Every structure is written in structure tokens, then in C-alpha cells.
Amino acid sequence: MATAYGPDTRTPQRSGSGPEGRLGAKHVLPPALRAPVEARTWREFGYLMLSLPISIVLFVFAITMTSVGTGLLITFLGIPVLAAGLAACRGFGALERARARGLLKLDVADPAPVRGRTGGLMSWVGAVLKSGVSWRHLLYALLHFPWAVFAFSVSLSLWAWGWAALTYPLWHWVFPTYTGVEGVQLYGDATHQVYLDSSVELALTSAFGLVLVLVTAWIIRGLAAVDRLMVAGLLGPSRLATRVTELESDRGVVVDTAAADLRRIERDLHDGAQARLVALAMDLGLAKEKLTADPEAAARMVDEAHGEVKVALQELRDLARGIHPAVLTDRGLDAALSAIASRCTVPVTVEVDLSSRPAQAIEGIAYFTVSELLQNVSKHARATRASVDVWRTADRLLIQVTDNGRGGADLAAGSGLAGLTERLDAVDGILVVESPAGGPTKVTAELPWRG
């Protein structure tokens, strides 16, 4: 049930400090025409040129070590030889990842190093042979060689033909001046020859060269895309290892967040309700002593203590609401978010379009996400109105908070948004901020839907 209508759009858009959020530089030429002279094309062309000599060395080494190690498996020497070959392939993989990082702008994480259980040589050998990463590096060495030959031949041939034909009118004078012929010979036999030497033929050759140069740039990018797939798929950590690393990081975030929440609760109790209750006990003790000697003064002190009790109860309610509000448990997100909106310093419209309730953990994170964002609106946005929109799309719970304030919110600034991002990351959620200077600000949070 919605209390008001929120924003019209419900498609989150990434922004912030990432490349997707920055506006690209304006170009006069379209991408198809400027591709041959862009730095990316030249970097990828250089990558393809270097791939052939490197892949030859890597292929020969891998074949040699694998053959020798396999042939010696009937003896004890085959096992360490094969392990040494796999370890060297991992070293070549580090070189390839660095080359892809520099020329293809592909950042592939290094796989976890191989460690034996006991730290001895044979333990290390066994760990290398059991490592799937090591065998994937060997597979890369074997597969990349034929691909490098193909990519090198295609890219260099097309590149040379394209630029030679495009610039042919500029260096056409070389043939009659230094070779005694009229131009590039297309056909020749004992009776006649066909040369590219007329103005029309020069123009057509240059036009053909221009088309070939434009096409070659995109062919080079396509060939480099295959290299990206091979490097990312064979030389990086496995998906399982990556997922384990992510879960370990998320677990650390969850533990740190829980510890911070406990410290906050302890601080609030110590500085707030606990201090008031101690003062209340002292006031009641003094009132008890004055009850017979000065009943009027005792009555005033009891009345003041009664006021302190009300304040302490309100602080305890606020603290309990900060831990987990009862209205969220009893009535769900719609009522809980409406309660938050009523305490915001600017008018807030809330729309919750959910046919069922998510899991309690996801519901709690959604509540605190909106609470944190509305606190930012109250403290920093200088807005006159805001809106909260909550809905479900497939297996994701989406939350969008917008305001018409001054904007300028930045995830990289180390503010509360960074902590909120870490809290969402812990449950595979994301936070997207769109806040240009001058506003408006739109913050979209995505959480997994767990019923």
C-alpha cells in the first residue's frame, strides 16, 4: 500500500566515480571513423604483435617440459620435472597478466600462490600438481600459440595492406623514380602489364585502403577481445576461489559492522538512559530524605524525577527502534518507512509496492538503508522534498531515495555512503549514487530478494 507516488523511473543507473558514471569526451568523428587512430587500437595491435614471439617461447617450453616430465613419470624424476614446468607456466602467466593490464586494460587478479601443507619440497610439488590453476596456465600456453599465429597474421596483413593502399597516392612516385615501372603491377605476362598509375586508379586504391583501415581497426579489437577472454578465463583465479575471497571479505564487513553497532548501543546506553537513571536514583534518594522535613521540596523533586523517567523511556524507545523497530516486525516495510519519513526534516513521500515480505534480514537492511539515506537528506542535502520508492524486480529488492537538494554526494568521499555500501555488499547488494553538483540526488539500492 502506498502513501504517495514516488519517482516515475524504476531503472537504477550506475554513476559515481566509475567509468560508467563519467561523461565521455565529445568527439567530432563517430567511433567507426576515429577507431584507426585511437590509442586503444594501437595498444591492442601492439599486443597482437607481441603475442607471437611470446607464445612461441611459451609453447615450446610447455611442450618440452610436459613431454619430458610425462616421459620420465616411470621414474621418480618425472614428477618434479612436471611440477617445475607447471610452476614456470604460472610465472609466464604473471607476465601475460601484466601485459594484458598494460595494453588491453584488463585487470585480472593474481591466483592464490601454491602452498604445501608441510612447507617441504615434496609437499609443494604435490600442491602444484593438484592445483587446477597450474593446469589452466599450461592449457593457455598450448592454446594461445595457434591463436597468436592466426591473430598476428591477420592483423599485420590487413593493417599493412590497408595503410599501404590508403597512402598509395603519396608514395606512388617511388616506382617510376627508383624502379622504372609506372606503379604497382596488378597483372603481367609476356605481352602486356597492368599497373595502378592513373589518377582514377590512385583514388580508387586510396578509397579501398580507407575502407580496409576502418574495418581492420575493428577486426583488431575483435581479435583482442578473444585474448581478453583467454587471459581472464585461464590465467585468473577460479570462480570458486574468487567467491571464497568475496565471502571472506563480506564476513569481515559483517563482523566489523556488528561490533560497531554493539559499541554504538553501549555508548548510547552509557551516555543516555543509564546516566539519566543514575541521576534519577540520586534525586529519588534526596526526595526520600526530605519527605518528612520538607514535603513540598520532596514533591517537587519527585515531579522532576517523573519528567526524567519520561525522557529516559523515550531514549530507550529510540534506542530499541535503532536496534530493530517493532513496527517493522509487526507491519512491514510500508509502515516502518512511513514512520521514518514522518521524522525527516523535509516532506517525504513513500511508495512501497510489494506483494509479500522479504526475509527479516533483508527487510532490516532495507529499513536501515532508507533510514541512513533520509538522515543524509536531513543533515546535508538542503532539500525541500524527498521521496522513497520500494519495489521488487524478479529476485531483487530495489530501493530508490531521491531529493531535490544541492547534490554532490560521492561514494569515494569516505562518508556514511561508503559504510552503507559495505553493509549492502555483505549480502550481495549494490548501491548506486547519481548526485551531480546542484542536484537532484538519486540513490538506488539493490538487495537480493529472499523470501
Protein backbone atom coordinates (compact mmCIF):
# COMPACT_ATOMS: atom_id res chain seq x y z
CA MET A 1 0.00 0.00 0.00
CA ALA A 2 1.46 3.34 -1.00
CA THR A 3 1.16 6.57 0.93
CA ALA A 4 2.16 8.67 -2.08
CA TYR A 5 3.56 8.38 -5.56
CA GLY A 6 7.32 8.28 -5.98
CA PRO A 7 9.55 8.84 -9.00
CA ASP A 8 8.48 7.62 -12.40
CA THR A 9 11.62 5.74 -13.30
CA ARG A 10 12.47 2.45 -11.67
CA THR A 11 15.61 1.54 -13.53
CA PRO A 12 18.79 2.01 -11.49
CA GLN A 13 21.62 3.73 -13.30
CA ARG A 14 25.18 3.42 -12.17
CA SER A 15 27.11 6.57 -11.54
CA GLY A 16 29.67 7.99 -9.21
CA SER A 17 33.38 7.57 -9.67
CA GLY A 18 33.29 4.60 -12.06
CA PRO A 19 33.76 4.83 -15.81
CA GLU A 20 30.08 4.29 -16.42
CA GLY A 21 29.20 7.38 -14.46
CA ARG A 22 31.51 9.79 -16.23
CA LEU A 23 30.50 11.65 -19.33
CA GLY A 24 32.75 10.75 -22.22
CA ALA A 25 34.67 13.38 -24.09
CA LYS A 26 32.93 14.84 -27.11
CA HIS A 27 34.31 13.84 -30.49
CA VAL A 28 33.71 15.29 -33.89
CA LEU A 29 34.07 11.95 -35.67
CA PRO A 30 31.89 8.92 -34.90
CA PRO A 31 33.58 5.85 -33.33
CA ALA A 32 33.67 3.97 -36.65
CA LEU A 33 35.85 6.67 -38.23
CA ARG A 34 38.16 7.51 -35.35
CA ALA A 35 38.88 3.89 -34.35
CA PRO A 36 42.04 3.54 -36.53
CA VAL A 37 43.77 6.45 -34.80
CA GLU A 38 42.61 5.82 -31.23
CA ALA A 39 45.17 4.77 -28.65
CA ARG A 40 43.15 1.68 -27.80
CA THR A 41 43.51 0.29 -31.33
CA TRP A 42 47.27 0.86 -31.38
CA ARG A 43 47.67 -0.73 -27.94
CA GLU A 44 45.72 -3.80 -28.98
CA PHE A 45 47.64 -4.01 -32.26
CA GLY A 46 50.88 -3.92 -30.29
CA TYR A 47 49.54 -6.66 -28.02
CA LEU A 48 48.81 -8.89 -31.01
CA MET A 49 52.27 -8.24 -32.44
CA LEU A 50 53.97 -9.20 -29.18
CA SER A 51 51.80 -12.27 -28.74
CA LEU A 52 53.53 -14.27 -31.48
CA PRO A 53 57.12 -14.26 -30.16
CA ILE A 54 55.96 -14.67 -26.56
CA SER A 55 53.58 -17.53 -27.43
CA ILE A 56 56.33 -19.31 -29.39
CA VAL A 57 58.62 -19.31 -26.37
CA LEU A 58 55.81 -20.32 -24.03
CA PHE A 59 54.53 -23.07 -26.36
CA VAL A 60 57.95 -24.60 -26.92
CA PHE A 61 58.72 -24.50 -23.20
CA ALA A 62 55.36 -26.03 -22.24
CA ILE A 63 55.60 -28.81 -24.83
CA THR A 64 59.18 -29.61 -23.86
CA MET A 65 58.62 -29.70 -20.11
CA THR A 66 55.36 -31.61 -20.41
CA SER A 67 56.88 -34.19 -22.76
CA VAL A 68 59.99 -34.66 -20.65
CA GLY A 69 58.02 -34.82 -17.42
CA THR A 70 55.47 -37.25 -18.83
CA GLY A 71 58.16 -39.42 -20.34
CA LEU A 72 60.01 -39.60 -17.03
CA LEU A 73 56.93 -40.48 -15.00
CA ILE A 74 58.07 -44.09 -14.99
CA THR A 75 60.87 -42.83 -12.77
CA PHE A 76 60.78 -40.50 -9.80
CA LEU A 77 62.24 -37.61 -11.79
CA GLY A 78 59.13 -37.09 -13.90
CA ILE A 79 57.04 -35.70 -11.04
CA PRO A 80 59.34 -32.78 -10.04
CA VAL A 81 60.08 -32.00 -13.70
CA LEU A 82 56.38 -31.76 -14.48
CA ALA A 83 55.79 -29.65 -11.35
CA ALA A 84 58.64 -27.33 -12.33
CA GLY A 85 57.12 -26.92 -15.79
CA LEU A 86 53.74 -26.04 -14.32
CA ALA A 87 55.33 -23.56 -11.90
CA ALA A 88 57.18 -21.89 -14.77
CA CYS A 89 53.92 -21.66 -16.72
CA ARG A 90 52.45 -19.82 -13.75
CA GLY A 91 55.36 -17.40 -13.98
CA PHE A 92 54.64 -16.85 -17.68
CA GLY A 93 51.01 -16.29 -16.69
CA ALA A 94 52.07 -13.43 -14.41
CA LEU A 95 53.86 -11.87 -17.39
CA GLU A 96 50.77 -12.26 -19.57
CA ARG A 97 48.52 -10.70 -16.94
CA ALA A 98 50.87 -7.73 -16.70
CA ARG A 99 50.92 -7.40 -20.49
CA ALA A 100 47.12 -7.55 -20.65
CA ARG A 101 46.90 -4.99 -17.85
CA GLY A 102 49.15 -2.56 -19.68
CA LEU A 103 47.96 -2.98 -23.29
CA LEU A 104 44.43 -4.37 -23.07
CA LYS A 105 43.50 -2.51 -19.86
CA LEU A 106 42.31 -5.84 -18.48
CA ASP A 107 42.90 -6.20 -14.75
CA VAL A 108 42.92 -9.89 -13.85
CA ALA A 109 43.57 -10.76 -10.23
CA ASP A 110 46.55 -12.98 -9.46
CA PRO A 111 45.59 -16.51 -8.41
CA ALA A 112 46.45 -17.63 -4.92
CA PRO A 113 50.04 -18.89 -4.59
CA VAL A 114 50.66 -22.60 -4.24
CA ARG A 115 51.49 -23.69 -0.70
CA GLY A 116 52.21 -27.15 0.52
CA ARG A 117 50.78 -28.43 3.77
CA THR A 118 54.15 -29.02 5.42
CA GLY A 119 56.29 -26.47 3.60
CA GLY A 120 58.65 -29.11 2.23
CA LEU A 121 59.68 -29.65 -1.39
CA MET A 122 57.53 -32.72 -2.00
CA SER A 123 54.55 -31.04 -0.35
CA TRP A 124 54.99 -28.10 -2.74
CA VAL A 125 55.31 -30.45 -5.73
CA GLY A 126 52.08 -32.19 -4.75
CA ALA A 127 50.28 -28.88 -4.32
CA VAL A 128 51.42 -27.68 -7.77
CA LEU A 129 50.25 -30.89 -9.45
CA LYS A 130 46.88 -30.76 -7.67
CA SER A 131 46.29 -27.08 -8.46
CA GLY A 132 43.75 -26.52 -11.21
CA VAL A 133 45.19 -23.05 -11.74
CA SER A 134 48.54 -24.55 -12.73
CA TRP A 135 46.96 -26.81 -15.35
CA ARG A 136 44.95 -23.90 -16.73
CA HIS A 137 48.19 -21.97 -17.21
CA LEU A 138 49.58 -24.94 -19.14
CA LEU A 139 46.43 -25.07 -21.24
CA TYR A 140 46.82 -21.37 -22.00
CA ALA A 141 50.39 -21.96 -23.19
CA LEU A 142 49.21 -24.68 -25.58
CA LEU A 143 46.09 -22.92 -26.90
CA HIS A 144 47.47 -19.42 -27.22
CA PHE A 145 50.18 -20.31 -29.73
CA PRO A 146 47.91 -21.24 -32.69
CA TRP A 147 45.64 -18.33 -31.87
CA ALA A 148 48.59 -15.92 -31.70
CA VAL A 149 49.79 -17.12 -35.12
CA PHE A 150 46.36 -16.51 -36.61
CA ALA A 151 45.83 -13.13 -34.92
CA PHE A 152 49.34 -11.93 -35.80
CA SER A 153 48.99 -12.91 -39.47
CA VAL A 154 45.51 -11.45 -39.93
CA SER A 155 46.09 -8.19 -38.09
CA LEU A 156 49.52 -7.46 -39.58
CA SER A 157 48.45 -8.31 -43.13
CA LEU A 158 45.26 -6.26 -43.05
CA TRP A 159 46.99 -3.39 -41.26
CA ALA A 160 49.84 -3.26 -43.77
CA TRP A 161 47.59 -3.62 -46.83
CA GLY A 162 45.12 -1.03 -45.55
CA TRP A 163 47.64 1.69 -44.74
CA ALA A 164 49.69 0.95 -47.87
CA ALA A 165 46.63 1.31 -50.11
CA LEU A 166 45.38 4.39 -48.25
CA THR A 167 48.69 6.22 -48.62
CA TYR A 168 49.48 4.89 -52.12
CA PRO A 169 48.97 8.29 -53.82
CA LEU A 170 51.64 9.74 -51.51
CA TRP A 171 54.39 7.30 -52.35
CA HIS A 172 53.38 6.38 -55.92
CA TRP A 173 56.35 8.43 -57.19
CA VAL A 174 58.71 5.79 -55.76
CA PHE A 175 58.03 3.30 -58.58
CA PRO A 176 58.83 5.37 -61.69
CA THR A 177 61.68 7.15 -59.93
CA TYR A 178 63.56 4.20 -58.45
CA THR A 179 62.25 1.04 -60.16
CA GLY A 180 61.49 2.20 -63.69
CA VAL A 181 57.85 0.99 -63.62
CA GLU A 182 54.66 3.01 -63.67
CA GLY A 183 53.22 1.80 -60.37
CA VAL A 184 52.01 -1.27 -58.51
CA GLN A 185 51.59 -4.11 -61.00
CA LEU A 186 48.28 -5.93 -60.77
CA TYR A 187 48.88 -8.29 -63.71
CA GLY A 188 51.66 -9.01 -66.17
CA ASP A 189 52.63 -11.54 -68.86
CA ALA A 190 54.84 -11.66 -71.93
CA THR A 191 52.71 -9.22 -73.95
CA HIS A 192 51.30 -6.63 -71.56
CA GLN A 193 51.20 -5.41 -67.95
CA VAL A 194 48.54 -3.72 -65.84
CA TYR A 195 49.66 -1.02 -63.40
CA LEU A 196 47.88 1.26 -60.93
CA ASP A 197 49.11 4.54 -62.31
CA SER A 198 46.20 6.75 -63.41
CA SER A 199 44.51 9.36 -61.22
CA VAL A 200 41.28 7.37 -61.05
CA GLU A 201 43.13 4.21 -60.10
CA LEU A 202 45.04 6.07 -57.42
CA ALA A 203 41.82 7.48 -55.97
CA LEU A 204 40.09 4.08 -56.03
CA THR A 205 43.09 2.44 -54.39
CA SER A 206 43.15 5.05 -51.66
CA ALA A 207 39.39 4.68 -51.09
CA PHE A 208 39.78 0.91 -50.84
CA GLY A 209 42.62 1.43 -48.39
CA LEU A 210 40.49 3.73 -46.25
CA VAL A 211 37.72 1.13 -46.02
CA LEU A 212 40.24 -1.57 -45.18
CA VAL A 213 41.86 0.57 -42.47
CA LEU A 214 38.48 1.26 -40.88
CA VAL A 215 37.49 -2.39 -40.98
CA THR A 216 40.89 -3.58 -39.76
CA ALA A 217 40.65 -1.46 -36.62
CA TRP A 218 37.51 -3.30 -35.57
CA ILE A 219 38.93 -6.67 -36.58
CA ILE A 220 41.90 -5.96 -34.32
CA ARG A 221 39.54 -5.14 -31.46
CA GLY A 222 37.66 -8.38 -32.07
CA LEU A 223 40.89 -10.40 -32.04
CA ALA A 224 41.98 -8.66 -28.85
CA ALA A 225 38.61 -9.49 -27.28
CA VAL A 226 39.39 -13.19 -27.73
CA ASP A 227 42.71 -12.65 -25.98
CA ARG A 228 40.87 -10.95 -23.14
CA LEU A 229 38.65 -13.99 -22.75
CA MET A 230 41.60 -16.35 -22.74
CA VAL A 231 43.55 -14.33 -20.18
CA ALA A 232 40.57 -13.82 -17.90
CA GLY A 233 39.33 -17.41 -18.21
CA LEU A 234 42.63 -19.30 -17.97
CA LEU A 235 45.12 -17.11 -16.10
CA GLY A 236 42.95 -15.69 -13.32
CA PRO A 237 41.73 -17.28 -10.11
CA SER A 238 38.91 -19.77 -10.31
CA ARG A 239 35.35 -18.66 -9.74
CA LEU A 240 35.24 -20.68 -6.54
CA ALA A 241 38.39 -19.02 -5.20
CA THR A 242 37.06 -15.59 -6.17
CA ARG A 243 33.77 -16.30 -4.44
CA VAL A 244 35.55 -17.53 -1.31
CA THR A 245 37.59 -14.32 -1.22
CA GLU A 246 34.45 -12.23 -1.61
CA LEU A 247 32.69 -14.14 1.17
CA GLU A 248 35.68 -13.77 3.47
CA SER A 249 35.69 -10.03 2.84
CA ASP A 250 31.92 -9.81 3.36
CA ARG A 251 32.21 -11.80 6.59
CA GLY A 252 34.80 -9.31 7.85
CA VAL A 253 32.49 -6.43 6.98
CA VAL A 254 29.58 -8.09 8.79
CA VAL A 255 31.71 -8.71 11.89
CA ASP A 256 33.02 -5.14 11.90
CA THR A 257 29.52 -3.74 11.40
CA ALA A 258 28.11 -5.84 14.23
CA ALA A 259 30.95 -4.77 16.54
CA ALA A 260 30.38 -1.11 15.61
CA ASP A 261 26.65 -1.47 16.30
CA LEU A 262 27.35 -3.03 19.70
CA ARG A 263 29.73 -0.19 20.58
CA ARG A 264 27.12 2.35 19.49
CA ILE A 265 24.42 0.72 21.62
CA GLU A 266 26.76 0.54 24.61
CA ARG A 267 27.73 4.21 24.16
CA ASP A 268 24.10 5.31 23.82
CA LEU A 269 23.12 3.39 26.94
CA HIS A 270 26.07 4.69 28.93
CA ASP A 271 25.76 8.31 27.88
CA GLY A 272 21.98 8.48 27.66
CA ALA A 273 19.49 6.31 29.51
CA GLN A 274 21.98 4.92 32.03
CA ALA A 275 23.17 8.38 33.07
CA ARG A 276 19.59 9.58 33.42
CA LEU A 277 18.64 6.55 35.53
CA VAL A 278 21.60 7.11 37.86
CA ALA A 279 20.64 10.77 38.27
CA LEU A 280 17.02 9.69 38.81
CA ALA A 281 18.06 7.29 41.60
CA MET A 282 20.02 10.06 43.31
CA ASP A 283 17.09 12.53 43.06
CA LEU A 284 14.66 9.99 44.49
CA GLY A 285 17.09 9.30 47.38
CA LEU A 286 17.25 13.01 48.18
CA ALA A 287 13.46 13.29 47.93
CA LYS A 288 13.08 10.39 50.35
CA GLU A 289 15.32 12.12 52.88
CA LYS A 290 13.33 15.38 52.59
CA LEU A 291 9.93 13.70 52.65
CA THR A 292 9.34 14.34 56.37
CA ALA A 293 11.38 17.53 56.81
CA ASP A 294 10.24 19.40 53.67
CA PRO A 295 7.29 17.68 51.93
CA GLU A 296 6.90 20.43 49.33
CA ALA A 297 10.55 20.23 48.22
CA ALA A 298 10.27 16.43 48.14
CA ALA A 299 7.16 16.69 45.95
CA ARG A 300 8.99 18.98 43.52
CA MET A 301 11.90 16.58 43.33
CA VAL A 302 9.56 13.65 42.69
CA ASP A 303 7.85 15.65 39.96
CA GLU A 304 11.21 16.38 38.33
CA ALA A 305 12.15 12.70 38.63
CA HIS A 306 8.88 11.82 36.89
CA GLY A 307 9.91 14.01 33.95
CA GLU A 308 13.34 12.35 33.87
CA VAL A 309 11.64 8.94 33.73
CA LYS A 310 9.68 10.00 30.65
CA VAL A 311 12.82 11.26 28.94
CA ALA A 312 14.69 8.04 29.78
CA LEU A 313 11.81 5.95 28.45
CA GLN A 314 11.82 7.94 25.20
CA GLU A 315 15.57 7.42 24.84
CA LEU A 316 15.14 3.69 25.41
CA ARG A 317 12.38 3.59 22.79
CA ASP A 318 14.62 5.40 20.30
CA LEU A 319 17.44 3.00 21.08
CA ALA A 320 15.18 -0.01 20.63
CA ARG A 321 13.91 1.45 17.36
CA GLY A 322 17.52 1.80 16.22
CA ILE A 323 18.20 -1.86 17.00
CA HIS A 324 15.10 -3.22 15.30
CA PRO A 325 11.83 -1.28 15.32
CA ALA A 326 8.75 -3.14 16.46
CA VAL A 327 6.67 -1.59 13.68
CA LEU A 328 8.94 -3.25 11.11
CA THR A 329 8.40 -6.66 12.64
CA ASP A 330 4.65 -6.19 13.11
CA ARG A 331 3.60 -4.30 9.97
CA GLY A 332 6.45 -4.50 7.45
CA LEU A 333 8.40 -2.01 5.37
CA ASP A 334 5.49 0.20 4.35
CA ALA A 335 4.57 1.25 7.88
CA ALA A 336 8.19 1.31 9.09
CA LEU A 337 9.38 3.54 6.26
CA SER A 338 6.40 5.84 6.72
CA ALA A 339 7.43 6.23 10.36
CA ILE A 340 10.96 7.16 9.29
CA ALA A 341 9.64 9.62 6.74
CA SER A 342 7.49 11.34 9.36
CA ARG A 343 10.63 12.14 11.38
CA CYS A 344 12.57 13.58 8.44
CA THR A 345 13.07 17.36 8.39
CA VAL A 346 11.63 17.64 4.85
CA PRO A 347 8.36 16.28 3.43
CA VAL A 348 8.85 12.72 2.17
CA THR A 349 6.52 10.66 0.01
CA VAL A 350 6.75 6.89 0.41
CA GLU A 351 5.61 4.23 -2.03
CA VAL A 352 6.08 0.54 -1.26
CA ASP A 353 4.94 -1.85 -3.98
CA LEU A 354 5.49 -5.32 -2.53
CA SER A 355 3.09 -8.22 -2.73
CA SER A 356 4.91 -10.12 0.01
CA ARG A 357 7.57 -9.52 2.62
CA PRO A 358 11.25 -10.37 2.16
CA ALA A 359 13.32 -12.21 4.74
CA GLN A 360 13.76 -10.42 8.06
CA ALA A 361 17.47 -9.82 7.47
CA ILE A 362 16.86 -8.22 4.06
CA GLU A 363 13.93 -6.26 5.44
CA GLY A 364 16.08 -4.92 8.25
CA ILE A 365 18.88 -3.87 5.90
CA ALA A 366 16.34 -2.15 3.64
CA TYR A 367 14.94 -0.28 6.63
CA PHE A 368 18.31 0.93 7.86
CA THR A 369 19.36 1.86 4.32
CA VAL A 370 16.39 4.18 3.96
CA SER A 371 16.93 5.49 7.49
CA GLU A 372 20.56 6.37 6.74
CA LEU A 373 19.70 7.99 3.41
CA LEU A 374 16.92 10.11 4.91
CA GLN A 375 19.27 11.20 7.69
CA ASN A 376 21.68 12.36 5.00
CA VAL A 377 18.82 14.29 3.38
CA SER A 378 18.01 15.96 6.70
CA LYS A 379 21.61 16.83 7.57
CA HIS A 380 23.35 17.57 4.29
CA ALA A 381 21.06 17.82 1.26
CA ARG A 382 19.38 21.19 1.94
CA ALA A 383 16.35 19.77 0.14
CA THR A 384 12.73 20.85 0.28
CA ARG A 385 11.22 17.46 -0.58
CA ALA A 386 12.23 13.82 -0.94
CA SER A 387 10.69 10.52 -1.98
CA VAL A 388 11.19 6.85 -1.18
CA ASP A 389 10.21 4.12 -3.64
CA VAL A 390 10.46 0.39 -2.90
CA TRP A 391 9.59 -2.40 -5.32
CA ARG A 392 10.57 -5.88 -6.39
CA THR A 393 12.00 -6.87 -9.78
CA ALA A 394 12.50 -10.61 -10.32
CA ASP A 395 14.78 -11.73 -7.47
CA ARG A 396 15.92 -8.23 -6.43
CA LEU A 397 14.52 -5.76 -3.94
CA LEU A 398 15.06 -2.20 -5.18
CA ILE A 399 15.03 0.95 -3.09
CA GLN A 400 15.23 4.43 -4.56
CA VAL A 401 15.57 7.59 -2.47
CA THR A 402 15.54 10.94 -4.28
CA ASP A 403 15.71 14.54 -3.13
CA ASN A 404 15.89 17.95 -4.78
CA GLY A 405 18.84 19.14 -2.69
CA ARG A 406 22.23 20.51 -3.64
CA GLY A 407 23.70 17.16 -4.77
CA GLY A 408 27.40 16.38 -4.73
CA ALA A 409 27.13 13.10 -2.82
CA ASP A 410 30.16 10.90 -3.51
CA LEU A 411 30.78 7.28 -2.57
CA ALA A 412 34.54 7.84 -2.70
CA ALA A 413 34.47 10.63 -0.12
CA GLY A 414 34.55 8.21 2.80
CA SER A 415 31.18 9.36 4.14
CA GLY A 416 28.33 7.29 5.52
CA LEU A 417 27.53 6.19 1.98
CA ALA A 418 30.77 4.18 1.93
CA GLY A 419 29.76 2.32 5.08
CA LEU A 420 26.31 1.76 3.66
CA THR A 421 27.88 0.31 0.52
CA GLU A 422 29.91 -2.15 2.60
CA ARG A 423 26.79 -3.20 4.51
CA LEU A 424 24.98 -3.90 1.23
CA ASP A 425 27.98 -5.70 -0.25
CA ALA A 426 27.87 -8.12 2.66
CA VAL A 427 24.59 -9.53 1.33
CA ASP A 428 25.43 -9.23 -2.40
CA GLY A 429 23.68 -5.88 -2.72
CA ILE A 430 24.83 -2.74 -4.51
CA LEU A 431 24.44 0.99 -4.00
CA VAL A 432 24.29 3.36 -6.97
CA VAL A 433 24.55 7.12 -6.46
CA GLU A 434 23.59 9.74 -9.03
CA SER A 435 24.24 13.13 -7.49
CA PRO A 436 25.52 15.85 -9.83
CA ALA A 437 26.55 19.17 -8.33
CA GLY A 438 23.45 21.27 -7.87
CA GLY A 439 21.21 18.21 -7.60
CA PRO A 440 18.97 16.39 -7.67
CA THR A 441 20.28 13.30 -5.90
CA LYS A 442 19.05 9.80 -6.68
CA VAL A 443 20.34 6.85 -4.66
CA THR A 444 19.32 3.35 -5.70
CA ALA A 445 19.99 0.27 -3.56
CA GLU A 446 19.58 -3.30 -4.75
CA LEU A 447 19.24 -6.22 -2.37
CA PRO A 448 18.71 -9.90 -3.12
CA TRP A 449 15.12 -10.99 -2.58
CA ARG A 450 14.99 -13.75 -0.03
CA GLY A 451 11.52 -14.75 0.95
